Amino acid sequence: MGAFGHPPVWCGDTEDLTQETTQLTDIRGLVEPYLADEHLELDDLELSGHGRGRVLRVIVDGDGVDLGRLSELSRGLARLLDDAPSLQDPYQLEVSSPGLERKLRRPSHFQKSVGREVVVKVSRPDHNRTVRGRLTDAGDSTFTVESDDEAVSIGYDDVITAKTVFRWEKAPKPGHKETR
């Protein structure tokens, strides 16, 4: 099953999907302890592409994650993963932070994002729906999004995709007082 209980979309051989899932589990087992020693958290892990175009994305979260720290982590993770038996095929390593607009895939992602604006695509038996608003609560099995006209409780199993939304606030013109 994919994120939130939905089967993953896969156009290749199911044996390849099983192999990729096993690879990600193996990689997670190597990366999480390394990041814990660095006082960071593995936020997400993605393996995409095929052949020489394959990319391993390691998304880390924690205090002090800046460009210099990401560069150091990239070098350390590259050394660690070079010997990983599950990664013998060529791949490109990308190490980054979740960023301003982050994908929400696990309940912990939603819990860290309470108070932020989100957009969620939801699968319901009668139709699919997109919900936009402020994430006001996130529990173990459901979360709540409040828009201007309603509060919607959504089960994680009903989520197709979800992400936070960053809005640039328009700054007042210099020399002009802001009116309210």
N, C-alpha and C. Protein backbone atom coordinates (compact mmCIF):
# COMPACT_ATOMS: atom_id res chain seq x y z
N MET A 1 0.83 -1.18 0.00
CA MET A 1 0.00 0.00 0.00
C MET A 1 0.88 1.24 0.00
N GLY A 2 0.40 2.30 -0.63
CA GLY A 2 1.14 3.55 -0.67
C GLY A 2 0.79 4.41 0.52
N ALA A 3 1.13 5.68 0.40
CA ALA A 3 0.84 6.62 1.47
C ALA A 3 -0.64 6.62 1.78
N PHE A 4 -0.99 6.60 3.04
CA PHE A 4 -2.36 6.67 3.53
C PHE A 4 -3.22 5.51 3.06
N GLY A 5 -2.62 4.36 2.78
CA GLY A 5 -3.40 3.17 2.47
C GLY A 5 -3.80 3.03 1.01
N HIS A 6 -3.50 4.01 0.17
CA HIS A 6 -3.82 3.89 -1.25
C HIS A 6 -2.76 3.05 -1.93
N PRO A 7 -3.16 2.18 -2.85
CA PRO A 7 -2.13 1.42 -3.58
C PRO A 7 -1.30 2.37 -4.42
N PRO A 8 0.02 2.14 -4.50
CA PRO A 8 0.85 3.03 -5.30
C PRO A 8 0.54 2.88 -6.78
N VAL A 9 0.73 3.97 -7.53
CA VAL A 9 0.56 3.93 -8.97
C VAL A 9 1.86 3.41 -9.54
N TRP A 10 1.80 2.35 -10.29
CA TRP A 10 3.01 1.72 -10.81
C TRP A 10 2.74 1.21 -12.20
N CYS A 11 3.58 1.57 -13.14
CA CYS A 11 3.39 1.15 -14.53
C CYS A 11 4.34 0.04 -14.93
N GLY A 12 5.19 -0.39 -14.02
CA GLY A 12 6.17 -1.43 -14.34
C GLY A 12 5.77 -2.76 -13.73
N ASP A 13 6.72 -3.63 -13.65
CA ASP A 13 6.57 -4.96 -13.10
C ASP A 13 6.38 -4.87 -11.59
N THR A 14 5.47 -5.68 -11.02
CA THR A 14 5.24 -5.65 -9.58
C THR A 14 6.47 -6.12 -8.81
N GLU A 15 7.30 -6.94 -9.43
CA GLU A 15 8.54 -7.36 -8.77
C GLU A 15 9.44 -6.15 -8.56
N ASP A 16 9.46 -5.21 -9.53
CA ASP A 16 10.24 -3.98 -9.39
C ASP A 16 9.73 -3.14 -8.22
N LEU A 17 8.41 -3.08 -8.04
CA LEU A 17 7.82 -2.31 -6.95
C LEU A 17 8.21 -2.92 -5.61
N THR A 18 8.16 -4.22 -5.50
CA THR A 18 8.56 -4.91 -4.27
C THR A 18 10.03 -4.65 -3.97
N GLN A 19 10.86 -4.70 -5.01
CA GLN A 19 12.29 -4.44 -4.84
C GLN A 19 12.52 -3.01 -4.37
N GLU A 20 11.80 -2.04 -4.95
CA GLU A 20 11.97 -0.64 -4.56
C GLU A 20 11.53 -0.42 -3.11
N THR A 21 10.43 -1.04 -2.70
CA THR A 21 9.97 -0.92 -1.33
C THR A 21 11.00 -1.50 -0.36
N THR A 22 11.58 -2.64 -0.72
CA THR A 22 12.62 -3.25 0.10
C THR A 22 13.85 -2.35 0.17
N GLN A 23 14.22 -1.75 -0.97
CA GLN A 23 15.36 -0.84 -0.99
C GLN A 23 15.12 0.34 -0.04
N LEU A 24 13.94 0.94 -0.10
CA LEU A 24 13.64 2.09 0.76
C LEU A 24 13.67 1.69 2.23
N THR A 25 13.18 0.51 2.56
CA THR A 25 13.23 0.04 3.94
C THR A 25 14.67 -0.12 4.40
N ASP A 26 15.51 -0.72 3.53
CA ASP A 26 16.93 -0.90 3.85
C ASP A 26 17.63 0.45 4.02
N ILE A 27 17.34 1.37 3.11
CA ILE A 27 17.96 2.70 3.16
C ILE A 27 17.53 3.44 4.42
N ARG A 28 16.24 3.37 4.73
CA ARG A 28 15.72 4.02 5.95
C ARG A 28 16.46 3.48 7.18
N GLY A 29 16.70 2.18 7.22
CA GLY A 29 17.41 1.57 8.34
C GLY A 29 18.83 2.07 8.49
N LEU A 30 19.47 2.50 7.40
CA LEU A 30 20.81 3.07 7.46
C LEU A 30 20.80 4.56 7.78
N VAL A 31 19.86 5.28 7.17
CA VAL A 31 19.84 6.74 7.24
C VAL A 31 19.32 7.25 8.59
N GLU A 32 18.26 6.65 9.11
CA GLU A 32 17.67 7.16 10.36
C GLU A 32 18.66 7.20 11.53
N PRO A 33 19.42 6.13 11.80
CA PRO A 33 20.38 6.22 12.91
C PRO A 33 21.47 7.27 12.67
N TYR A 34 21.92 7.40 11.42
CA TYR A 34 22.94 8.40 11.08
C TYR A 34 22.40 9.80 11.40
N LEU A 35 21.17 10.08 10.95
CA LEU A 35 20.59 11.41 11.20
C LEU A 35 20.31 11.63 12.68
N ALA A 36 19.90 10.58 13.40
CA ALA A 36 19.66 10.70 14.84
C ALA A 36 20.96 11.09 15.54
N ASP A 37 22.09 10.52 15.11
CA ASP A 37 23.39 10.90 15.69
C ASP A 37 23.72 12.36 15.40
N GLU A 38 23.17 12.89 14.31
CA GLU A 38 23.37 14.29 13.93
C GLU A 38 22.30 15.20 14.54
N HIS A 39 21.44 14.64 15.40
CA HIS A 39 20.34 15.36 16.05
C HIS A 39 19.33 15.90 15.03
N LEU A 40 19.08 15.10 14.00
CA LEU A 40 18.11 15.45 12.97
C LEU A 40 17.14 14.29 12.78
N GLU A 41 16.06 14.57 12.07
CA GLU A 41 15.02 13.57 11.83
C GLU A 41 14.89 13.33 10.33
N LEU A 42 14.72 12.07 9.97
CA LEU A 42 14.42 11.74 8.58
C LEU A 42 12.96 12.07 8.35
N ASP A 43 12.70 13.09 7.56
CA ASP A 43 11.34 13.54 7.31
C ASP A 43 10.70 12.72 6.21
N ASP A 44 11.44 12.42 5.17
CA ASP A 44 10.89 11.64 4.06
C ASP A 44 12.02 11.05 3.24
N LEU A 45 11.69 10.04 2.47
CA LEU A 45 12.65 9.34 1.64
C LEU A 45 11.95 8.96 0.36
N GLU A 46 12.53 9.32 -0.79
CA GLU A 46 11.94 9.01 -2.08
C GLU A 46 13.00 8.41 -2.99
N LEU A 47 12.62 7.39 -3.73
CA LEU A 47 13.49 6.81 -4.74
C LEU A 47 12.69 6.82 -6.03
N SER A 48 13.16 7.55 -7.02
CA SER A 48 12.40 7.67 -8.27
C SER A 48 13.32 7.50 -9.47
N GLY A 49 12.73 7.25 -10.61
CA GLY A 49 13.48 7.11 -11.85
C GLY A 49 14.05 5.71 -12.02
N HIS A 50 14.72 5.52 -13.15
CA HIS A 50 15.30 4.23 -13.49
C HIS A 50 16.67 4.43 -14.10
N GLY A 51 17.49 3.41 -14.01
CA GLY A 51 18.80 3.44 -14.64
C GLY A 51 19.63 4.59 -14.11
N ARG A 52 20.31 5.27 -15.03
CA ARG A 52 21.17 6.40 -14.63
C ARG A 52 20.38 7.62 -14.18
N GLY A 53 19.07 7.64 -14.45
CA GLY A 53 18.22 8.75 -14.03
C GLY A 53 17.60 8.56 -12.66
N ARG A 54 18.03 7.55 -11.93
CA ARG A 54 17.45 7.26 -10.63
C ARG A 54 17.94 8.28 -9.60
N VAL A 55 17.00 8.77 -8.77
CA VAL A 55 17.30 9.80 -7.77
C VAL A 55 16.81 9.32 -6.41
N LEU A 56 17.69 9.42 -5.42
CA LEU A 56 17.34 9.14 -4.03
C LEU A 56 17.27 10.49 -3.31
N ARG A 57 16.06 10.85 -2.84
CA ARG A 57 15.87 12.11 -2.11
C ARG A 57 15.75 11.80 -0.62
N VAL A 58 16.59 12.43 0.16
CA VAL A 58 16.57 12.31 1.61
C VAL A 58 16.17 13.68 2.15
N ILE A 59 15.00 13.76 2.76
CA ILE A 59 14.51 15.03 3.29
C ILE A 59 14.67 14.98 4.81
N VAL A 60 15.43 15.94 5.34
CA VAL A 60 15.74 15.97 6.77
C VAL A 60 15.10 17.19 7.43
N ASP A 61 14.82 17.05 8.72
CA ASP A 61 14.21 18.15 9.46
C ASP A 61 14.89 18.26 10.82
N GLY A 62 14.96 19.47 11.33
CA GLY A 62 15.56 19.71 12.64
C GLY A 62 16.13 21.11 12.71
N ASP A 63 16.64 21.44 13.87
CA ASP A 63 17.23 22.77 14.09
C ASP A 63 18.56 22.88 13.35
N GLY A 64 18.81 24.06 12.82
CA GLY A 64 20.10 24.35 12.20
C GLY A 64 20.32 23.72 10.84
N VAL A 65 19.24 23.39 10.13
CA VAL A 65 19.40 22.81 8.80
C VAL A 65 19.51 23.96 7.80
N ASP A 66 20.74 24.24 7.41
CA ASP A 66 20.98 25.27 6.40
C ASP A 66 21.77 24.64 5.26
N LEU A 67 22.14 25.43 4.28
CA LEU A 67 22.81 24.90 3.09
C LEU A 67 24.13 24.22 3.44
N GLY A 68 24.91 24.79 4.33
CA GLY A 68 26.17 24.18 4.73
C GLY A 68 25.97 22.83 5.42
N ARG A 69 24.97 22.78 6.29
CA ARG A 69 24.68 21.52 7.00
C ARG A 69 24.18 20.47 6.02
N LEU A 70 23.35 20.85 5.07
CA LEU A 70 22.86 19.90 4.06
C LEU A 70 24.01 19.35 3.23
N SER A 71 24.97 20.20 2.92
CA SER A 71 26.14 19.77 2.14
C SER A 71 26.95 18.73 2.93
N GLU A 72 27.16 19.00 4.22
CA GLU A 72 27.88 18.04 5.08
C GLU A 72 27.13 16.72 5.16
N LEU A 73 25.80 16.80 5.35
CA LEU A 73 25.00 15.60 5.44
C LEU A 73 25.05 14.80 4.14
N SER A 74 25.05 15.51 3.02
CA SER A 74 25.11 14.85 1.72
C SER A 74 26.39 14.04 1.59
N ARG A 75 27.51 14.62 1.98
CA ARG A 75 28.79 13.90 1.90
C ARG A 75 28.79 12.68 2.83
N GLY A 76 28.30 12.86 4.05
CA GLY A 76 28.26 11.76 5.00
C GLY A 76 27.32 10.65 4.56
N LEU A 77 26.16 11.02 4.07
CA LEU A 77 25.20 10.01 3.60
C LEU A 77 25.72 9.29 2.36
N ALA A 78 26.42 10.01 1.49
CA ALA A 78 26.98 9.38 0.28
C ALA A 78 27.98 8.29 0.68
N ARG A 79 28.83 8.59 1.66
CA ARG A 79 29.80 7.58 2.13
C ARG A 79 29.08 6.38 2.74
N LEU A 80 28.06 6.66 3.53
CA LEU A 80 27.29 5.60 4.18
C LEU A 80 26.58 4.72 3.15
N LEU A 81 25.96 5.35 2.15
CA LEU A 81 25.15 4.61 1.19
C LEU A 81 25.99 3.94 0.09
N ASP A 82 27.24 4.38 -0.09
CA ASP A 82 28.09 3.76 -1.11
C ASP A 82 28.26 2.27 -0.87
N ASP A 83 28.22 1.85 0.39
CA ASP A 83 28.41 0.44 0.72
C ASP A 83 27.09 -0.31 0.90
N ALA A 84 25.97 0.37 0.69
CA ALA A 84 24.67 -0.29 0.89
C ALA A 84 24.42 -1.31 -0.20
N PRO A 85 24.19 -2.58 0.17
CA PRO A 85 23.98 -3.61 -0.85
C PRO A 85 22.72 -3.38 -1.68
N SER A 86 21.74 -2.68 -1.13
CA SER A 86 20.49 -2.47 -1.87
C SER A 86 20.59 -1.32 -2.87
N LEU A 87 21.72 -0.61 -2.90
CA LEU A 87 21.88 0.53 -3.81
C LEU A 87 23.07 0.32 -4.75
N GLN A 88 23.15 -0.82 -5.37
CA GLN A 88 24.28 -1.10 -6.25
C GLN A 88 24.13 -0.44 -7.62
N ASP A 89 22.90 -0.16 -8.03
CA ASP A 89 22.67 0.53 -9.31
C ASP A 89 22.99 2.01 -9.15
N PRO A 90 23.35 2.70 -10.25
CA PRO A 90 23.67 4.13 -10.14
C PRO A 90 22.46 4.95 -9.66
N TYR A 91 22.75 5.99 -8.90
CA TYR A 91 21.70 6.89 -8.43
C TYR A 91 22.33 8.24 -8.12
N GLN A 92 21.49 9.26 -8.11
CA GLN A 92 21.92 10.60 -7.71
C GLN A 92 21.31 10.88 -6.35
N LEU A 93 22.11 11.34 -5.39
CA LEU A 93 21.64 11.63 -4.04
C LEU A 93 21.30 13.11 -3.93
N GLU A 94 20.10 13.38 -3.42
CA GLU A 94 19.68 14.75 -3.13
C GLU A 94 19.29 14.80 -1.65
N VAL A 95 19.90 15.71 -0.91
CA VAL A 95 19.59 15.89 0.50
C VAL A 95 19.03 17.30 0.66
N SER A 96 17.82 17.41 1.24
CA SER A 96 17.21 18.72 1.38
C SER A 96 16.35 18.77 2.64
N SER A 97 15.86 19.96 2.93
CA SER A 97 14.91 20.15 4.03
C SER A 97 13.50 20.16 3.42
N PRO A 98 12.46 20.05 4.25
CA PRO A 98 11.11 20.00 3.70
C PRO A 98 10.70 21.26 2.93
N GLY A 99 11.27 22.40 3.24
CA GLY A 99 10.95 23.63 2.52
C GLY A 99 9.67 24.29 3.00
N LEU A 100 9.33 25.39 2.36
CA LEU A 100 8.14 26.16 2.75
C LEU A 100 6.86 25.44 2.38
N GLU A 101 6.83 24.86 1.20
CA GLU A 101 5.68 24.08 0.78
C GLU A 101 6.11 22.63 0.80
N ARG A 102 5.63 21.90 1.78
CA ARG A 102 6.07 20.53 1.97
C ARG A 102 4.94 19.55 1.73
N LYS A 103 5.30 18.39 1.23
CA LYS A 103 4.34 17.31 1.07
C LYS A 103 4.02 16.75 2.44
N LEU A 104 2.76 16.44 2.65
CA LEU A 104 2.32 15.83 3.90
C LEU A 104 1.94 14.39 3.58
N ARG A 105 2.73 13.44 4.08
CA ARG A 105 2.52 12.04 3.74
C ARG A 105 2.17 11.18 4.95
N ARG A 106 2.64 11.58 6.13
CA ARG A 106 2.43 10.77 7.32
C ARG A 106 1.73 11.62 8.40
N PRO A 107 1.07 10.98 9.35
CA PRO A 107 0.43 11.76 10.42
C PRO A 107 1.39 12.72 11.11
N SER A 108 2.65 12.33 11.28
CA SER A 108 3.61 13.23 11.94
C SER A 108 3.83 14.50 11.12
N HIS A 109 3.77 14.41 9.79
CA HIS A 109 3.89 15.60 8.94
C HIS A 109 2.73 16.56 9.21
N PHE A 110 1.52 16.01 9.31
CA PHE A 110 0.35 16.84 9.58
C PHE A 110 0.46 17.46 10.97
N GLN A 111 0.89 16.68 11.95
CA GLN A 111 0.99 17.18 13.32
C GLN A 111 1.98 18.33 13.42
N LYS A 112 3.09 18.26 12.67
CA LYS A 112 4.07 19.36 12.68
C LYS A 112 3.55 20.59 11.96
N SER A 113 2.53 20.42 11.12
CA SER A 113 2.06 21.52 10.29
C SER A 113 0.77 22.16 10.80
N VAL A 114 0.31 21.79 12.00
CA VAL A 114 -0.91 22.41 12.56
C VAL A 114 -0.71 23.91 12.62
N GLY A 115 -1.72 24.65 12.16
CA GLY A 115 -1.66 26.11 12.13
C GLY A 115 -1.29 26.65 10.75
N ARG A 116 -0.81 25.79 9.86
CA ARG A 116 -0.41 26.24 8.53
C ARG A 116 -1.54 26.03 7.52
N GLU A 117 -1.47 26.77 6.42
CA GLU A 117 -2.43 26.61 5.34
C GLU A 117 -2.06 25.37 4.54
N VAL A 118 -3.08 24.59 4.15
CA VAL A 118 -2.85 23.35 3.41
C VAL A 118 -3.83 23.23 2.25
N VAL A 119 -3.48 22.39 1.31
CA VAL A 119 -4.39 21.97 0.26
C VAL A 119 -4.33 20.44 0.23
N VAL A 120 -5.52 19.82 0.29
CA VAL A 120 -5.62 18.37 0.41
C VAL A 120 -6.58 17.85 -0.65
N LYS A 121 -6.13 16.88 -1.43
CA LYS A 121 -7.02 16.19 -2.38
C LYS A 121 -7.51 14.94 -1.67
N VAL A 122 -8.84 14.81 -1.60
CA VAL A 122 -9.47 13.76 -0.82
C VAL A 122 -10.28 12.85 -1.73
N SER A 123 -10.20 11.56 -1.50
CA SER A 123 -10.99 10.57 -2.23
C SER A 123 -12.16 10.16 -1.36
N ARG A 124 -13.35 10.39 -1.85
CA ARG A 124 -14.57 9.99 -1.14
C ARG A 124 -15.31 8.99 -2.04
N PRO A 125 -16.14 8.14 -1.47
CA PRO A 125 -16.82 7.12 -2.29
C PRO A 125 -17.63 7.72 -3.44
N ASP A 126 -18.26 8.87 -3.23
CA ASP A 126 -19.10 9.45 -4.28
C ASP A 126 -18.36 10.42 -5.20
N HIS A 127 -17.24 10.99 -4.75
CA HIS A 127 -16.48 11.91 -5.59
C HIS A 127 -15.16 12.29 -4.91
N ASN A 128 -14.25 12.83 -5.70
CA ASN A 128 -13.01 13.38 -5.15
C ASN A 128 -13.23 14.86 -4.88
N ARG A 129 -12.49 15.39 -3.92
CA ARG A 129 -12.69 16.78 -3.51
C ARG A 129 -11.34 17.37 -3.11
N THR A 130 -11.19 18.66 -3.33
CA THR A 130 -10.02 19.38 -2.87
C THR A 130 -10.44 20.31 -1.74
N VAL A 131 -9.74 20.21 -0.61
CA VAL A 131 -10.04 21.02 0.57
C VAL A 131 -8.87 21.96 0.79
N ARG A 132 -9.15 23.26 0.93
CA ARG A 132 -8.13 24.26 1.20
C ARG A 132 -8.50 24.99 2.48
N GLY A 133 -7.50 25.26 3.29
CA GLY A 133 -7.76 26.00 4.52
C GLY A 133 -6.62 25.82 5.50
N ARG A 134 -6.90 26.15 6.76
CA ARG A 134 -5.88 26.06 7.82
C ARG A 134 -6.03 24.73 8.53
N LEU A 135 -4.91 24.02 8.68
CA LEU A 135 -4.88 22.76 9.41
C LEU A 135 -4.97 23.10 10.90
N THR A 136 -6.08 22.71 11.55
CA THR A 136 -6.30 23.10 12.93
C THR A 136 -6.08 21.98 13.92
N ASP A 137 -6.10 20.73 13.47
CA ASP A 137 -5.91 19.61 14.37
C ASP A 137 -5.42 18.41 13.57
N ALA A 138 -4.56 17.60 14.18
CA ALA A 138 -4.06 16.38 13.54
C ALA A 138 -3.85 15.32 14.60
N GLY A 139 -4.63 14.25 14.49
CA GLY A 139 -4.51 13.14 15.43
C GLY A 139 -3.86 11.94 14.77
N ASP A 140 -4.11 10.77 15.34
CA ASP A 140 -3.51 9.55 14.82
C ASP A 140 -4.21 9.01 13.57
N SER A 141 -5.54 9.28 13.43
CA SER A 141 -6.27 8.72 12.29
C SER A 141 -6.98 9.77 11.45
N THR A 142 -7.18 10.98 11.99
CA THR A 142 -7.85 12.04 11.24
C THR A 142 -7.18 13.39 11.52
N PHE A 143 -7.52 14.35 10.67
CA PHE A 143 -7.07 15.73 10.86
C PHE A 143 -8.21 16.65 10.44
N THR A 144 -8.14 17.92 10.85
CA THR A 144 -9.20 18.89 10.55
C THR A 144 -8.63 20.08 9.81
N VAL A 145 -9.34 20.47 8.74
CA VAL A 145 -8.98 21.66 7.97
C VAL A 145 -10.15 22.62 8.05
N GLU A 146 -9.87 23.87 8.46
CA GLU A 146 -10.91 24.90 8.53
C GLU A 146 -10.73 25.88 7.39
N SER A 147 -11.82 26.06 6.63
CA SER A 147 -11.83 27.09 5.59
C SER A 147 -12.75 28.20 6.10
N ASP A 148 -13.02 29.19 5.25
CA ASP A 148 -13.87 30.31 5.67
C ASP A 148 -15.27 29.86 6.07
N ASP A 149 -15.79 28.83 5.39
CA ASP A 149 -17.18 28.46 5.61
C ASP A 149 -17.41 27.14 6.33
N GLU A 150 -16.36 26.34 6.58
CA GLU A 150 -16.59 25.06 7.25
C GLU A 150 -15.30 24.46 7.80
N ALA A 151 -15.49 23.53 8.72
CA ALA A 151 -14.38 22.71 9.23
C ALA A 151 -14.63 21.30 8.73
N VAL A 152 -13.59 20.70 8.12
CA VAL A 152 -13.73 19.38 7.54
C VAL A 152 -12.78 18.41 8.23
N SER A 153 -13.33 17.33 8.74
CA SER A 153 -12.52 16.28 9.35
C SER A 153 -12.23 15.24 8.26
N ILE A 154 -10.96 14.87 8.11
CA ILE A 154 -10.54 13.99 7.03
C ILE A 154 -9.72 12.85 7.61
N GLY A 155 -10.03 11.64 7.18
CA GLY A 155 -9.23 10.48 7.58
C GLY A 155 -8.00 10.38 6.69
N TYR A 156 -6.87 9.98 7.27
CA TYR A 156 -5.63 9.85 6.49
C TYR A 156 -5.80 8.87 5.33
N ASP A 157 -6.64 7.85 5.51
CA ASP A 157 -6.86 6.87 4.44
C ASP A 157 -7.57 7.46 3.23
N ASP A 158 -8.23 8.62 3.40
CA ASP A 158 -8.94 9.26 2.30
C ASP A 158 -8.08 10.25 1.52
N VAL A 159 -6.84 10.48 1.95
CA VAL A 159 -5.97 11.48 1.33
C VAL A 159 -5.32 10.92 0.07
N ILE A 160 -5.45 11.66 -1.03
CA ILE A 160 -4.74 11.33 -2.26
C ILE A 160 -3.39 12.05 -2.24
N THR A 161 -3.42 13.37 -2.04
CA THR A 161 -2.21 14.17 -1.87
C THR A 161 -2.51 15.30 -0.89
N ALA A 162 -1.46 15.79 -0.24
CA ALA A 162 -1.61 16.92 0.68
C ALA A 162 -0.29 17.66 0.75
N LYS A 163 -0.37 18.99 0.88
CA LYS A 163 0.84 19.78 1.05
C LYS A 163 0.50 21.09 1.75
N THR A 164 1.52 21.68 2.35
CA THR A 164 1.35 23.00 2.94
C THR A 164 1.45 24.03 1.82
N VAL A 165 0.90 25.20 2.07
CA VAL A 165 0.91 26.28 1.09
C VAL A 165 1.55 27.50 1.72
N PHE A 166 2.50 28.10 1.03
CA PHE A 166 3.14 29.32 1.52
C PHE A 166 2.58 30.49 0.73
N ARG A 167 2.15 31.52 1.42
CA ARG A 167 1.63 32.74 0.77
C ARG A 167 2.54 33.91 1.11
N TRP A 168 2.95 34.60 0.08
CA TRP A 168 3.72 35.83 0.29
C TRP A 168 2.75 36.92 0.67
N GLU A 169 2.99 37.56 1.79
CA GLU A 169 2.15 38.68 2.22
C GLU A 169 2.67 39.94 1.55
N LYS A 170 1.75 40.72 1.02
CA LYS A 170 2.13 41.96 0.36
C LYS A 170 2.56 42.97 1.42
N ALA A 171 3.77 43.46 1.29
CA ALA A 171 4.29 44.45 2.23
C ALA A 171 3.73 45.82 1.90
N PRO A 172 3.50 46.66 2.92
CA PRO A 172 3.03 48.02 2.63
C PRO A 172 4.13 48.80 1.92
N LYS A 173 3.70 49.75 1.11
CA LYS A 173 4.67 50.58 0.39
C LYS A 173 5.46 51.42 1.40
N PRO A 174 6.74 51.62 1.11
CA PRO A 174 7.56 52.43 2.02
C PRO A 174 6.95 53.83 2.18
N GLY A 175 6.95 54.33 3.41
CA GLY A 175 6.45 55.68 3.67
C GLY A 175 4.95 55.75 3.88
N HIS A 176 4.24 54.64 3.67
CA HIS A 176 2.80 54.62 3.85
C HIS A 176 2.46 53.79 5.09
N LYS A 177 1.59 54.32 5.92
CA LYS A 177 1.16 53.55 7.08
C LYS A 177 0.12 52.54 6.63
N GLU A 178 0.18 51.37 7.29
CA GLU A 178 -0.80 50.33 6.98
C GLU A 178 -2.12 50.72 7.65
N THR A 179 -3.21 50.64 6.89
CA THR A 179 -4.54 50.96 7.45
C THR A 179 -5.31 49.68 7.67
N ARG A 180 -6.09 49.70 8.71
CA ARG A 180 -6.89 48.48 9.02
C ARG A 180 -8.32 48.83 9.16
